[in-house]
Amino acid sequence: MTDIVSKEQRSWNMSRIRSKHTTPELAVRSILHRMGLRFRLHQADLPGRPDLVLTKLKTVLFVHGCFWHRHNRCRFAYTPKSRVTFWTAKLEGNANRDHRVKQELQRLGWQVVTIWECQTKEQASLTRLLGRLFADLIK
């Protein structure tokens, strides 16, 4: 199956996909800040450059896109119909890297939390989720 847009247009589209300061990440950051939690962003000295680092709580958060990081049983984690071999290798590589990074952070004594893009769609449910995750930690 051929692409429906030109190579230049596809390149431009792909260049607009951000890895930092995404809408889901901003939603998580806003709620955590309102909860009184303070954090660092994209700390380079930790494996995987976690999206948020709560140093006092020895906790890191990754805000993962369901498509790019293969959220199990999520409707957004589909495999494109064109270039299936390329996309399968690319997306499985991302998931494998995520697993290795999580293990390394845990080995270093960090608690690792993953928030999925689909969990950030409704602010009320995201607030409840983060409240449950950090209830014991913020007392």
Protein backbone atom coordinates (compact mmCIF):
# COMPACT_ATOMS: atom_id res chain seq x y z
CA MET A 1 0.00 0.00 0.00
CA THR A 2 1.38 3.40 -0.93
CA ASP A 3 1.29 6.48 1.24
CA ILE A 4 -1.48 8.96 0.48
CA VAL A 5 0.76 12.00 1.04
CA SER A 6 4.05 12.99 -0.55
CA LYS A 7 7.37 12.05 1.00
CA GLU A 8 7.99 15.70 1.89
CA GLN A 9 4.57 16.05 3.56
CA ARG A 10 5.10 12.81 5.52
CA SER A 11 8.52 14.06 6.65
CA TRP A 12 6.99 17.35 7.79
CA ASN A 13 4.19 15.52 9.64
CA MET A 14 6.65 13.25 11.44
CA SER A 15 8.88 16.19 12.38
CA ARG A 16 5.94 17.70 14.29
CA ILE A 17 5.73 14.72 16.68
CA ARG A 18 7.22 15.92 19.94
CA SER A 19 9.01 13.86 22.55
CA LYS A 20 8.91 16.48 25.31
CA HIS A 21 6.23 18.80 26.67
CA THR A 22 3.41 16.86 24.99
CA THR A 23 -0.23 17.50 25.84
CA PRO A 24 -0.51 14.32 27.98
CA GLU A 25 2.71 15.22 29.81
CA LEU A 26 1.48 18.76 30.50
CA ALA A 27 -1.78 17.36 31.90
CA VAL A 28 0.11 15.10 34.33
CA ARG A 29 2.47 17.91 35.34
CA SER A 30 -0.41 20.28 36.04
CA ILE A 31 -2.23 17.84 38.31
CA LEU A 32 0.90 16.83 40.21
CA HIS A 33 1.78 20.48 40.76
CA ARG A 34 -1.73 21.18 42.11
CA MET A 35 -1.27 18.19 44.45
CA GLY A 36 1.75 19.99 45.90
CA LEU A 37 4.33 17.68 44.36
CA ARG A 38 7.46 19.21 42.88
CA PHE A 39 9.54 17.55 40.22
CA ARG A 40 12.34 17.89 37.72
CA LEU A 41 11.84 17.42 33.98
CA HIS A 42 13.73 15.08 31.66
CA GLN A 43 16.66 14.47 34.00
CA ALA A 44 19.54 13.50 31.70
CA ASP A 45 21.60 11.67 34.33
CA LEU A 46 18.94 8.95 34.74
CA PRO A 47 18.42 6.06 32.32
CA GLY A 48 15.73 6.86 29.76
CA ARG A 49 15.50 10.56 30.70
CA PRO A 50 12.21 10.19 32.62
CA ASP A 51 9.54 12.77 31.85
CA LEU A 52 9.16 13.70 35.54
CA VAL A 53 11.48 12.98 38.45
CA LEU A 54 10.19 13.34 42.01
CA THR A 55 13.56 13.26 43.76
CA LYS A 56 12.23 13.44 47.33
CA LEU A 57 9.96 10.46 46.67
CA LYS A 58 12.63 8.56 44.68
CA THR A 59 10.01 8.16 41.94
CA VAL A 60 10.12 8.71 38.18
CA LEU A 61 7.18 9.04 35.82
CA PHE A 62 7.06 8.27 32.16
CA VAL A 63 4.12 9.63 30.17
CA HIS A 64 3.97 7.25 27.23
CA GLY A 65 2.07 7.56 23.98
CA CYS A 66 -0.05 4.44 23.49
CA PHE A 67 0.95 4.08 19.82
CA TRP A 68 4.68 4.62 20.20
CA HIS A 69 5.13 2.52 23.35
CA ARG A 70 2.64 -0.31 22.63
CA HIS A 71 0.05 0.04 25.40
CA ASN A 72 -1.43 -3.45 25.77
CA ARG A 73 -5.07 -3.82 24.73
CA CYS A 74 -5.40 -0.12 23.88
CA ARG A 75 -7.20 0.97 20.74
CA PHE A 76 -4.50 3.59 20.08
CA ALA A 77 -1.74 0.95 19.98
CA TYR A 78 -2.44 -0.27 16.47
CA THR A 79 0.10 -1.38 13.88
CA PRO A 80 0.05 0.60 10.62
CA LYS A 81 -1.07 -1.35 7.58
CA SER A 82 1.80 -0.17 5.37
CA ARG A 83 5.45 -1.09 5.98
CA VAL A 84 4.37 -3.60 8.63
CA THR A 85 7.86 -5.08 9.04
CA PHE A 86 9.41 -1.67 9.66
CA TRP A 87 6.73 -0.55 12.11
CA THR A 88 6.68 -3.84 14.00
CA ALA A 89 10.45 -3.71 14.53
CA LYS A 90 10.34 0.00 15.44
CA LEU A 91 7.50 -0.26 17.95
CA GLU A 92 8.71 -3.51 19.53
CA GLY A 93 12.16 -1.91 19.87
CA ASN A 94 10.57 1.00 21.74
CA ALA A 95 8.73 -1.38 24.09
CA ASN A 96 11.89 -3.44 24.70
CA ARG A 97 13.89 -0.29 25.47
CA ASP A 98 11.18 0.87 27.88
CA HIS A 99 11.42 -2.48 29.71
CA ARG A 100 15.22 -2.28 29.97
CA VAL A 101 15.11 1.32 31.22
CA LYS A 102 12.49 0.43 33.85
CA GLN A 103 14.61 -2.47 35.12
CA GLU A 104 17.72 -0.26 35.29
CA LEU A 105 15.90 2.47 37.22
CA GLN A 106 14.47 -0.08 39.66
CA ARG A 107 17.94 -1.55 40.13
CA LEU A 108 19.12 1.96 41.05
CA GLY A 109 16.37 2.16 43.69
CA TRP A 110 13.80 4.28 41.83
CA GLN A 111 10.06 3.61 41.81
CA VAL A 112 8.88 3.72 38.18
CA VAL A 113 5.37 4.86 37.23
CA THR A 114 4.03 4.81 33.68
CA ILE A 115 1.06 6.97 32.74
CA TRP A 116 -0.42 6.16 29.34
CA GLU A 117 -1.70 8.75 26.89
CA CYS A 118 -5.22 7.26 26.96
CA GLN A 119 -5.30 7.74 30.76
CA THR A 120 -4.81 11.49 30.31
CA LYS A 121 -7.89 12.07 28.13
CA GLU A 122 -10.23 12.81 31.07
CA GLN A 123 -8.84 15.18 33.69
CA ALA A 124 -11.08 13.90 36.50
CA SER A 125 -10.05 10.27 36.06
CA LEU A 126 -6.38 11.26 35.71
CA THR A 127 -6.63 13.25 38.94
CA ARG A 128 -8.11 10.22 40.73
CA LEU A 129 -5.39 7.94 39.31
CA LEU A 130 -2.55 10.23 40.38
CA GLY A 131 -4.20 10.75 43.76
CA ARG A 132 -4.28 6.98 44.33
CA LEU A 133 -0.68 6.56 43.14
CA PHE A 134 0.71 9.26 45.40
CA ALA A 135 -1.71 9.18 48.37
CA ASP A 136 0.77 7.35 50.63
CA LEU A 137 3.72 9.38 49.43
CA ILE A 138 2.37 12.89 50.04
CA LYS A 139 1.29 12.43 53.67
